[in-house]
Amino acid sequence: MQLGVSIQSDGLRNDAELEERKKYLAGFWNVNDYLNFLKSHEIENIEIRIYKREETYKSFQEAIEMIWDKGFELTIHGDLTGSFHRGETFSELYPSLKPII
């Protein structure tokens, strides 16, 4: 069995204000400290919650690389609202996830 924690995407954005991030990082001042805390409590998986299609990978790159560097598995909880066209590939639906996939 794996234990995981969901982190609202705004808590991981490098362009979000500190007070906004802290709301989603259990009051921690930065992602690194929060991830270290989770790791020390045997959490193995981090889910980025509500990763919107229009988000840019660049906004999350630092946090995602930190998650991987610390040995966590990564799960993306995507938001597929809106309209789609038959035959679109996942990469076309969610272009910002290409670097992650």
PDB file of N, CA and C in Angstrom:
ATOM      1  N   MET A   1       0.841  -1.173   0.000  1.00  0.00           N
ATOM      2  CA  MET A   1       0.000   0.000   0.000  1.00  0.00           C
ATOM      3  C   MET A   1       0.890   1.242   0.000  1.00  0.00           C
ATOM      4  N   GLN A   2       0.484   2.245  -0.758  1.00  0.00           N
ATOM      5  CA  GLN A   2       1.193   3.529  -0.777  1.00  0.00           C
ATOM      6  C   GLN A   2       0.338   4.591  -0.095  1.00  0.00           C
ATOM      7  N   LEU A   3       0.994   5.473   0.618  1.00  0.00           N
ATOM      8  CA  LEU A   3       0.323   6.641   1.177  1.00  0.00           C
ATOM      9  C   LEU A   3       0.683   7.840   0.325  1.00  0.00           C
ATOM     10  N   GLY A   4      -0.303   8.680   0.062  1.00  0.00           N
ATOM     11  CA  GLY A   4      -0.064   9.860  -0.755  1.00  0.00           C
ATOM     12  C   GLY A   4      -0.758  11.073  -0.182  1.00  0.00           C
ATOM     13  N   VAL A   5      -0.357  12.210  -0.675  1.00  0.00           N
ATOM     14  CA  VAL A   5      -0.950  13.488  -0.284  1.00  0.00           C
ATOM     15  C   VAL A   5      -1.235  14.294  -1.540  1.00  0.00           C
ATOM     16  N   SER A   6      -2.413  14.893  -1.570  1.00  0.00           N
ATOM     17  CA  SER A   6      -2.755  15.815  -2.652  1.00  0.00           C
ATOM     18  C   SER A   6      -2.334  17.217  -2.253  1.00  0.00           C
ATOM     19  N   ILE A   7      -1.765  17.918  -3.206  1.00  0.00           N
ATOM     20  CA  ILE A   7      -1.407  19.323  -2.990  1.00  0.00           C
ATOM     21  C   ILE A   7      -2.093  20.127  -4.085  1.00  0.00           C
ATOM     22  N   GLN A   8      -2.894  21.083  -3.666  1.00  0.00           N
ATOM     23  CA  GLN A   8      -3.562  21.970  -4.628  1.00  0.00           C
ATOM     24  C   GLN A   8      -2.502  22.618  -5.509  1.00  0.00           C
ATOM     25  N   SER A   9      -2.757  22.681  -6.788  1.00  0.00           N
ATOM     26  CA  SER A   9      -1.760  23.179  -7.739  1.00  0.00           C
ATOM     27  C   SER A   9      -1.232  24.568  -7.379  1.00  0.00           C
ATOM     28  N   ASP A  10      -2.065  25.426  -6.826  1.00  0.00           N
ATOM     29  CA  ASP A  10      -1.610  26.778  -6.468  1.00  0.00           C
ATOM     30  C   ASP A  10      -0.488  26.754  -5.429  1.00  0.00           C
ATOM     31  N   GLY A  11      -0.410  25.718  -4.639  1.00  0.00           N
ATOM     32  CA  GLY A  11       0.659  25.600  -3.651  1.00  0.00           C
ATOM     33  C   GLY A  11       2.008  25.265  -4.259  1.00  0.00           C
ATOM     34  N   LEU A  12       2.003  24.821  -5.506  1.00  0.00           N
ATOM     35  CA  LEU A  12       3.241  24.401  -6.160  1.00  0.00           C
ATOM     36  C   LEU A  12       3.696  25.351  -7.261  1.00  0.00           C
ATOM     37  N   ARG A  13       2.885  26.327  -7.575  1.00  0.00           N
ATOM     38  CA  ARG A  13       3.222  27.276  -8.649  1.00  0.00           C
ATOM     39  C   ARG A  13       4.357  28.190  -8.199  1.00  0.00           C
ATOM     40  N   ASN A  14       5.363  28.351  -9.034  1.00  0.00           N
ATOM     41  CA  ASN A  14       6.486  29.225  -8.667  1.00  0.00           C
ATOM     42  C   ASN A  14       6.131  30.702  -8.789  1.00  0.00           C
ATOM     43  N   ASP A  15       4.990  31.008  -9.402  1.00  0.00           N
ATOM     44  CA  ASP A  15       4.590  32.403  -9.548  1.00  0.00           C
ATOM     45  C   ASP A  15       3.467  32.803  -8.587  1.00  0.00           C
ATOM     46  N   ALA A  16       3.109  31.918  -7.649  1.00  0.00           N
ATOM     47  CA  ALA A  16       2.058  32.224  -6.674  1.00  0.00           C
ATOM     48  C   ALA A  16       2.659  32.980  -5.488  1.00  0.00           C
ATOM     49  N   GLU A  17       1.853  33.816  -4.894  1.00  0.00           N
ATOM     50  CA  GLU A  17       2.273  34.569  -3.709  1.00  0.00           C
ATOM     51  C   GLU A  17       2.494  33.621  -2.532  1.00  0.00           C
ATOM     52  N   LEU A  18       3.408  33.971  -1.642  1.00  0.00           N
ATOM     53  CA  LEU A  18       3.757  33.128  -0.499  1.00  0.00           C
ATOM     54  C   LEU A  18       2.527  32.771   0.334  1.00  0.00           C
ATOM     55  N   GLU A  19       1.698  33.740   0.655  1.00  0.00           N
ATOM     56  CA  GLU A  19       0.528  33.464   1.491  1.00  0.00           C
ATOM     57  C   GLU A  19      -0.434  32.503   0.809  1.00  0.00           C
ATOM     58  N   GLU A  20      -0.556  32.588  -0.495  1.00  0.00           N
ATOM     59  CA  GLU A  20      -1.401  31.671  -1.254  1.00  0.00           C
ATOM     60  C   GLU A  20      -0.816  30.257  -1.202  1.00  0.00           C
ATOM     61  N   ARG A  21       0.476  30.136  -1.412  1.00  0.00           N
ATOM     62  CA  ARG A  21       1.131  28.817  -1.379  1.00  0.00           C
ATOM     63  C   ARG A  21       1.014  28.178  -0.003  1.00  0.00           C
ATOM     64  N   LYS A  22       1.237  28.953   1.046  1.00  0.00           N
ATOM     65  CA  LYS A  22       1.218  28.423   2.409  1.00  0.00           C
ATOM     66  C   LYS A  22      -0.125  27.767   2.744  1.00  0.00           C
ATOM     67  N   LYS A  23      -1.210  28.282   2.183  1.00  0.00           N
ATOM     68  CA  LYS A  23      -2.526  27.683   2.437  1.00  0.00           C
ATOM     69  C   LYS A  23      -2.554  26.227   2.011  1.00  0.00           C
ATOM     70  N   TYR A  24      -1.826  25.904   0.952  1.00  0.00           N
ATOM     71  CA  TYR A  24      -1.856  24.558   0.390  1.00  0.00           C
ATOM     72  C   TYR A  24      -0.638  23.718   0.772  1.00  0.00           C
ATOM     73  N   LEU A  25       0.253  24.304   1.543  1.00  0.00           N
ATOM     74  CA  LEU A  25       1.450  23.592   1.989  1.00  0.00           C
ATOM     75  C   LEU A  25       1.435  23.406   3.505  1.00  0.00           C
ATOM     76  N   ALA A  26       0.257  23.289   4.073  1.00  0.00           N
ATOM     77  CA  ALA A  26       0.090  23.054   5.516  1.00  0.00           C
ATOM     78  C   ALA A  26       0.827  24.094   6.357  1.00  0.00           C
ATOM     79  N   GLY A  27       0.900  25.316   5.849  1.00  0.00           N
ATOM     80  CA  GLY A  27       1.547  26.404   6.579  1.00  0.00           C
ATOM     81  C   GLY A  27       3.047  26.489   6.397  1.00  0.00           C
ATOM     82  N   PHE A  28       3.654  25.533   5.694  1.00  0.00           N
ATOM     83  CA  PHE A  28       5.093  25.583   5.448  1.00  0.00           C
ATOM     84  C   PHE A  28       5.415  26.753   4.529  1.00  0.00           C
ATOM     85  N   TRP A  29       6.599  27.314   4.691  1.00  0.00           N
ATOM     86  CA  TRP A  29       7.016  28.480   3.914  1.00  0.00           C
ATOM     87  C   TRP A  29       7.440  28.139   2.500  1.00  0.00           C
ATOM     88  N   ASN A  30       7.831  26.867   2.280  1.00  0.00           N
ATOM     89  CA  ASN A  30       8.265  26.499   0.933  1.00  0.00           C
ATOM     90  C   ASN A  30       7.985  25.023   0.665  1.00  0.00           C
ATOM     91  N   VAL A  31       8.002  24.671  -0.595  1.00  0.00           N
ATOM     92  CA  VAL A  31       7.702  23.312  -1.038  1.00  0.00           C
ATOM     93  C   VAL A  31       8.724  22.322  -0.492  1.00  0.00           C
ATOM     94  N   ASN A  32       9.997  22.686  -0.516  1.00  0.00           N
ATOM     95  CA  ASN A  32      11.053  21.794  -0.052  1.00  0.00           C
ATOM     96  C   ASN A  32      10.805  21.329   1.381  1.00  0.00           C
ATOM     97  N   ASP A  33      10.534  22.259   2.279  1.00  0.00           N
ATOM     98  CA  ASP A  33      10.307  21.898   3.685  1.00  0.00           C
ATOM     99  C   ASP A  33       9.076  21.011   3.838  1.00  0.00           C
ATOM    100  N   TYR A  34       8.028  21.319   3.098  1.00  0.00           N
ATOM    101  CA  TYR A  34       6.808  20.519   3.180  1.00  0.00           C
ATOM    102  C   TYR A  34       7.064  19.095   2.671  1.00  0.00           C
ATOM    103  N   LEU A  35       7.765  18.972   1.550  1.00  0.00           N
ATOM    104  CA  LEU A  35       8.072  17.644   1.019  1.00  0.00           C
ATOM    105  C   LEU A  35       8.953  16.853   1.980  1.00  0.00           C
ATOM    106  N   ASN A  36       9.909  17.515   2.608  1.00  0.00           N
ATOM    107  CA  ASN A  36      10.747  16.828   3.602  1.00  0.00           C
ATOM    108  C   ASN A  36       9.898  16.317   4.768  1.00  0.00           C
ATOM    109  N   PHE A  37       8.961  17.126   5.214  1.00  0.00           N
ATOM    110  CA  PHE A  37       8.048  16.716   6.284  1.00  0.00           C
ATOM    111  C   PHE A  37       7.238  15.488   5.859  1.00  0.00           C
ATOM    112  N   LEU A  38       6.679  15.535   4.647  1.00  0.00           N
ATOM    113  CA  LEU A  38       5.874  14.410   4.158  1.00  0.00           C
ATOM    114  C   LEU A  38       6.720  13.149   4.033  1.00  0.00           C
ATOM    115  N   LYS A  39       7.931  13.282   3.513  1.00  0.00           N
ATOM    116  CA  LYS A  39       8.828  12.138   3.356  1.00  0.00           C
ATOM    117  C   LYS A  39       9.132  11.515   4.715  1.00  0.00           C
ATOM    118  N   SER A  40       9.335  12.341   5.725  1.00  0.00           N
ATOM    119  CA  SER A  40       9.649  11.827   7.065  1.00  0.00           C
ATOM    120  C   SER A  40       8.459  11.098   7.690  1.00  0.00           C
ATOM    121  N   HIS A  41       7.273  11.285   7.120  1.00  0.00           N
ATOM    122  CA  HIS A  41       6.075  10.602   7.601  1.00  0.00           C
ATOM    123  C   HIS A  41       5.621   9.499   6.635  1.00  0.00           C
ATOM    124  N   GLU A  42       6.584   9.006   5.850  1.00  0.00           N
ATOM    125  CA  GLU A  42       6.393   7.840   4.985  1.00  0.00           C
ATOM    126  C   GLU A  42       5.378   8.040   3.858  1.00  0.00           C
ATOM    127  N   ILE A  43       5.176   9.275   3.442  1.00  0.00           N
ATOM    128  CA  ILE A  43       4.351   9.556   2.263  1.00  0.00           C
ATOM    129  C   ILE A  43       5.187   9.205   1.043  1.00  0.00           C
ATOM    130  N   GLU A  44       4.587   8.502   0.083  1.00  0.00           N
ATOM    131  CA  GLU A  44       5.318   8.035  -1.081  1.00  0.00           C
ATOM    132  C   GLU A  44       4.842   8.661  -2.391  1.00  0.00           C
ATOM    133  N   ASN A  45       3.661   9.262  -2.371  1.00  0.00           N
ATOM    134  CA  ASN A  45       3.074   9.760  -3.601  1.00  0.00           C
ATOM    135  C   ASN A  45       2.539  11.170  -3.381  1.00  0.00           C
ATOM    136  N   ILE A  46       2.831  12.046  -4.325  1.00  0.00           N
ATOM    137  CA  ILE A  46       2.295  13.403  -4.306  1.00  0.00           C
ATOM    138  C   ILE A  46       1.382  13.555  -5.515  1.00  0.00           C
ATOM    139  N   GLU A  47       0.188  14.013  -5.262  1.00  0.00           N
ATOM    140  CA  GLU A  47      -0.755  14.303  -6.345  1.00  0.00           C
ATOM    141  C   GLU A  47      -0.860  15.818  -6.489  1.00  0.00           C
ATOM    142  N   ILE A  48      -0.662  16.293  -7.706  1.00  0.00           N
ATOM    143  CA  ILE A  48      -0.944  17.702  -7.988  1.00  0.00           C
ATOM    144  C   ILE A  48      -2.420  17.759  -8.342  1.00  0.00           C
ATOM    145  N   ARG A  49      -3.166  18.444  -7.511  1.00  0.00           N
ATOM    146  CA  ARG A  49      -4.623  18.464  -7.647  1.00  0.00           C
ATOM    147  C   ARG A  49      -5.087  19.671  -8.457  1.00  0.00           C
ATOM    148  N   ILE A  50      -5.950  19.377  -9.365  1.00  0.00           N
ATOM    149  CA  ILE A  50      -6.585  20.360 -10.239  1.00  0.00           C
ATOM    150  C   ILE A  50      -5.547  21.089 -11.103  1.00  0.00           C
ATOM    151  N   TYR A  51      -4.821  20.312 -11.862  1.00  0.00           N
ATOM    152  CA  TYR A  51      -3.861  20.846 -12.827  1.00  0.00           C
ATOM    153  C   TYR A  51      -4.661  21.160 -14.087  1.00  0.00           C
ATOM    154  N   LYS A  52      -4.879  22.437 -14.315  1.00  0.00           N
ATOM    155  CA  LYS A  52      -5.742  22.870 -15.419  1.00  0.00           C
ATOM    156  C   LYS A  52      -5.026  22.764 -16.762  1.00  0.00           C
ATOM    157  N   ARG A  53      -5.811  22.530 -17.807  1.00  0.00           N
ATOM    158  CA  ARG A  53      -5.231  22.372 -19.145  1.00  0.00           C
ATOM    159  C   ARG A  53      -4.448  23.596 -19.576  1.00  0.00           C
ATOM    160  N   GLU A  54      -4.883  24.790 -19.164  1.00  0.00           N
ATOM    161  CA  GLU A  54      -4.211  26.003 -19.622  1.00  0.00           C
ATOM    162  C   GLU A  54      -2.976  26.359 -18.793  1.00  0.00           C
ATOM    163  N   GLU A  55      -2.697  25.579 -17.741  1.00  0.00           N
ATOM    164  CA  GLU A  55      -1.501  25.825 -16.938  1.00  0.00           C
ATOM    165  C   GLU A  55      -0.256  25.598 -17.797  1.00  0.00           C
ATOM    166  N   THR A  56       0.822  26.247 -17.415  1.00  0.00           N
ATOM    167  CA  THR A  56       2.078  26.013 -18.124  1.00  0.00           C
ATOM    168  C   THR A  56       2.980  25.145 -17.255  1.00  0.00           C
ATOM    169  N   TYR A  57       3.671  24.231 -17.885  1.00  0.00           N
ATOM    170  CA  TYR A  57       4.597  23.363 -17.157  1.00  0.00           C
ATOM    171  C   TYR A  57       5.646  24.191 -16.422  1.00  0.00           C
ATOM    172  N   LYS A  58       6.065  25.270 -17.044  1.00  0.00           N
ATOM    173  CA  LYS A  58       7.106  26.120 -16.457  1.00  0.00           C
ATOM    174  C   LYS A  58       6.729  26.605 -15.052  1.00  0.00           C
ATOM    175  N   SER A  59       5.436  26.837 -14.816  1.00  0.00           N
ATOM    176  CA  SER A  59       4.976  27.289 -13.500  1.00  0.00           C
ATOM    177  C   SER A  59       5.183  26.243 -12.417  1.00  0.00           C
ATOM    178  N   PHE A  60       5.272  24.971 -12.812  1.00  0.00           N
ATOM    179  CA  PHE A  60       5.376  23.872 -11.864  1.00  0.00           C
ATOM    180  C   PHE A  60       6.694  23.122 -11.940  1.00  0.00           C
ATOM    181  N   GLN A  61       7.529  23.445 -12.902  1.00  0.00           N
ATOM    182  CA  GLN A  61       8.732  22.669 -13.173  1.00  0.00           C
ATOM    183  C   GLN A  61       9.596  22.481 -11.936  1.00  0.00           C
ATOM    184  N   GLU A  62       9.869  23.533 -11.211  1.00  0.00           N
ATOM    185  CA  GLU A  62      10.725  23.441 -10.030  1.00  0.00           C
ATOM    186  C   GLU A  62      10.144  22.481  -8.996  1.00  0.00           C
ATOM    187  N   ALA A  63       8.844  22.597  -8.720  1.00  0.00           N
ATOM    188  CA  ALA A  63       8.207  21.735  -7.729  1.00  0.00           C
ATOM    189  C   ALA A  63       8.168  20.287  -8.199  1.00  0.00           C
ATOM    190  N   ILE A  64       7.863  20.059  -9.469  1.00  0.00           N
ATOM    191  CA  ILE A  64       7.796  18.701 -10.001  1.00  0.00           C
ATOM    192  C   ILE A  64       9.168  18.035  -9.943  1.00  0.00           C
ATOM    193  N   GLU A  65      10.198  18.759 -10.324  1.00  0.00           N
ATOM    194  CA  GLU A  65      11.548  18.192 -10.259  1.00  0.00           C
ATOM    195  C   GLU A  65      11.949  17.888  -8.813  1.00  0.00           C
ATOM    196  N   MET A  66      11.532  18.736  -7.880  1.00  0.00           N
ATOM    197  CA  MET A  66      11.821  18.518  -6.467  1.00  0.00           C
ATOM    198  C   MET A  66      11.103  17.260  -5.965  1.00  0.00           C
ATOM    199  N   ILE A  67       9.856  17.088  -6.389  1.00  0.00           N
ATOM    200  CA  ILE A  67       9.077  15.900  -6.013  1.00  0.00           C
ATOM    201  C   ILE A  67       9.797  14.645  -6.491  1.00  0.00           C
ATOM    202  N   TRP A  68      10.222  14.635  -7.742  1.00  0.00           N
ATOM    203  CA  TRP A  68      10.934  13.476  -8.285  1.00  0.00           C
ATOM    204  C   TRP A  68      12.282  13.276  -7.605  1.00  0.00           C
ATOM    205  N   ASP A  69      13.036  14.368  -7.400  1.00  0.00           N
ATOM    206  CA  ASP A  69      14.361  14.269  -6.782  1.00  0.00           C
ATOM    207  C   ASP A  69      14.292  13.668  -5.381  1.00  0.00           C
ATOM    208  N   LYS A  70      13.204  13.890  -4.678  1.00  0.00           N
ATOM    209  CA  LYS A  70      13.047  13.368  -3.318  1.00  0.00           C
ATOM    210  C   LYS A  70      12.500  11.941  -3.315  1.00  0.00           C
ATOM    211  N   GLY A  71      12.256  11.392  -4.515  1.00  0.00           N
ATOM    212  CA  GLY A  71      11.854   9.996  -4.615  1.00  0.00           C
ATOM    213  C   GLY A  71      10.357   9.737  -4.536  1.00  0.00           C
ATOM    214  N   PHE A  72       9.548  10.776  -4.608  1.00  0.00           N
ATOM    215  CA  PHE A  72       8.098  10.586  -4.603  1.00  0.00           C
ATOM    216  C   PHE A  72       7.613  10.131  -5.974  1.00  0.00           C
ATOM    217  N   GLU A  73       6.541   9.352  -5.977  1.00  0.00           N
ATOM    218  CA  GLU A  73       5.787   9.107  -7.203  1.00  0.00           C
ATOM    219  C   GLU A  73       4.929  10.344  -7.429  1.00  0.00           C
ATOM    220  N   LEU A  74       4.613  10.631  -8.678  1.00  0.00           N
ATOM    221  CA  LEU A  74       3.829  11.817  -9.006  1.00  0.00           C
ATOM    222  C   LEU A  74       2.533  11.397  -9.683  1.00  0.00           C
ATOM    223  N   THR A  75       1.442  11.949  -9.210  1.00  0.00           N
ATOM    224  CA  THR A  75       0.131  11.756  -9.815  1.00  0.00           C
ATOM    225  C   THR A  75      -0.412  13.123 -10.185  1.00  0.00           C
ATOM    226  N   ILE A  76      -1.013  13.210 -11.353  1.00  0.00           N
ATOM    227  CA  ILE A  76      -1.624  14.464 -11.790  1.00  0.00           C
ATOM    228  C   ILE A  76      -3.130  14.282 -11.793  1.00  0.00           C
ATOM    229  N   HIS A  77      -3.811  15.144 -11.082  1.00  0.00           N
ATOM    230  CA  HIS A  77      -5.276  15.172 -11.125  1.00  0.00           C
ATOM    231  C   HIS A  77      -5.632  16.285 -12.106  1.00  0.00           C
ATOM    232  N   GLY A  78      -5.937  15.887 -13.305  1.00  0.00           N
ATOM    233  CA  GLY A  78      -6.196  16.863 -14.357  1.00  0.00           C
ATOM    234  C   GLY A  78      -7.620  17.365 -14.370  1.00  0.00           C
ATOM    235  N   ASP A  79      -7.812  18.463 -15.051  1.00  0.00           N
ATOM    236  CA  ASP A  79      -9.120  19.066 -15.231  1.00  0.00           C
ATOM    237  C   ASP A  79      -9.424  19.057 -16.729  1.00  0.00           C
ATOM    238  N   LEU A  80     -10.328  18.208 -17.125  1.00  0.00           N
ATOM    239  CA  LEU A  80     -10.652  18.087 -18.540  1.00  0.00           C
ATOM    240  C   LEU A  80     -11.999  18.724 -18.873  1.00  0.00           C
ATOM    241  N   THR A  81     -12.319  19.832 -18.217  1.00  0.00           N
ATOM    242  CA  THR A  81     -13.550  20.535 -18.565  1.00  0.00           C
ATOM    243  C   THR A  81     -13.361  21.252 -19.895  1.00  0.00           C
ATOM    244  N   GLY A  82     -14.452  21.573 -20.521  1.00  0.00           N
ATOM    245  CA  GLY A  82     -14.391  22.275 -21.802  1.00  0.00           C
ATOM    246  C   GLY A  82     -14.770  21.346 -22.934  1.00  0.00           C
ATOM    247  N   SER A  83     -14.544  21.795 -24.127  1.00  0.00           N
ATOM    248  CA  SER A  83     -14.933  21.000 -25.286  1.00  0.00           C
ATOM    249  C   SER A  83     -13.719  20.289 -25.877  1.00  0.00           C
ATOM    250  N   PHE A  84     -13.992  19.135 -26.447  1.00  0.00           N
ATOM    251  CA  PHE A  84     -12.959  18.318 -27.055  1.00  0.00           C
ATOM    252  C   PHE A  84     -13.414  17.910 -28.441  1.00  0.00           C
ATOM    253  N   HIS A  85     -12.460  17.572 -29.251  1.00  0.00           N
ATOM    254  CA  HIS A  85     -12.751  17.117 -30.602  1.00  0.00           C
ATOM    255  C   HIS A  85     -12.404  15.644 -30.720  1.00  0.00           C
ATOM    256  N   ARG A  86     -13.278  14.911 -31.308  1.00  0.00           N
ATOM    257  CA  ARG A  86     -13.060  13.473 -31.488  1.00  0.00           C
ATOM    258  C   ARG A  86     -11.715  13.246 -32.200  1.00  0.00           C
ATOM    259  N   GLY A  87     -10.953  12.319 -31.683  1.00  0.00           N
ATOM    260  CA  GLY A  87      -9.676  11.989 -32.303  1.00  0.00           C
ATOM    261  C   GLY A  87      -8.488  12.747 -31.746  1.00  0.00           C
ATOM    262  N   GLU A  88      -8.720  13.707 -30.842  1.00  0.00           N
ATOM    263  CA  GLU A  88      -7.591  14.427 -30.252  1.00  0.00           C
ATOM    264  C   GLU A  88      -6.786  13.473 -29.370  1.00  0.00           C
ATOM    265  N   THR A  89      -5.489  13.599 -29.407  1.00  0.00           N
ATOM    266  CA  THR A  89      -4.649  12.804 -28.514  1.00  0.00           C
ATOM    267  C   THR A  89      -4.584  13.494 -27.156  1.00  0.00           C
ATOM    268  N   PHE A  90      -4.133  12.754 -26.147  1.00  0.00           N
ATOM    269  CA  PHE A  90      -4.021  13.338 -24.817  1.00  0.00           C
ATOM    270  C   PHE A  90      -3.057  14.514 -24.822  1.00  0.00           C
ATOM    271  N   SER A  91      -1.978  14.395 -25.572  1.00  0.00           N
ATOM    272  CA  SER A  91      -1.010  15.492 -25.656  1.00  0.00           C
ATOM    273  C   SER A  91      -1.627  16.742 -26.272  1.00  0.00           C
ATOM    274  N   GLU A  92      -2.556  16.570 -27.181  1.00  0.00           N
ATOM    275  CA  GLU A  92      -3.254  17.722 -27.766  1.00  0.00           C
ATOM    276  C   GLU A  92      -4.240  18.325 -26.771  1.00  0.00           C
ATOM    277  N   LEU A  93      -4.873  17.472 -25.960  1.00  0.00           N
ATOM    278  CA  LEU A  93      -5.817  17.944 -24.945  1.00  0.00           C
ATOM    279  C   LEU A  93      -5.110  18.659 -23.810  1.00  0.00           C
ATOM    280  N   TYR A  94      -3.924  18.177 -23.470  1.00  0.00           N
ATOM    281  CA  TYR A  94      -3.199  18.641 -22.292  1.00  0.00           C
ATOM    282  C   TYR A  94      -1.744  18.903 -22.645  1.00  0.00           C
ATOM    283  N   PRO A  95      -1.460  19.888 -23.494  1.00  0.00           N
ATOM    284  CA  PRO A  95      -0.085  20.107 -23.972  1.00  0.00           C
ATOM    285  C   PRO A  95       0.928  20.400 -22.858  1.00  0.00           C
ATOM    286  N   SER A  96       0.479  20.968 -21.746  1.00  0.00           N
ATOM    287  CA  SER A  96       1.435  21.302 -20.673  1.00  0.00           C
ATOM    288  C   SER A  96       1.972  20.071 -19.968  1.00  0.00           C
ATOM    289  N   LEU A  97       1.359  18.917 -20.172  1.00  0.00           N
ATOM    290  CA  LEU A  97       1.836  17.696 -19.504  1.00  0.00           C
ATOM    291  C   LEU A  97       2.885  16.945 -20.325  1.00  0.00           C
ATOM    292  N   LYS A  98       3.143  17.366 -21.539  1.00  0.00           N
ATOM    293  CA  LYS A  98       4.137  16.670 -22.374  1.00  0.00           C
ATOM    294  C   LYS A  98       5.474  16.471 -21.664  1.00  0.00           C
ATOM    295  N   PRO A  99       6.021  17.505 -21.014  1.00  0.00           N
ATOM    296  CA  PRO A  99       7.314  17.300 -20.343  1.00  0.00           C
ATOM    297  C   PRO A  99       7.240  16.304 -19.187  1.00  0.00           C
ATOM    298  N   ILE A 100       6.087  16.149 -18.580  1.00  0.00           N
ATOM    299  CA  ILE A 100       5.932  15.225 -17.444  1.00  0.00           C
ATOM    300  C   ILE A 100       5.807  13.796 -17.941  1.00  0.00           C
ATOM    301  N   ILE A 101       5.034  13.632 -18.998  1.00  0.00           N
ATOM    302  CA  ILE A 101       4.796  12.304 -19.551  1.00  0.00           C
ATOM    303  C   ILE A 101       6.056  11.782 -20.188  1.00  0.00           C
TER     304      ILE A 101
END
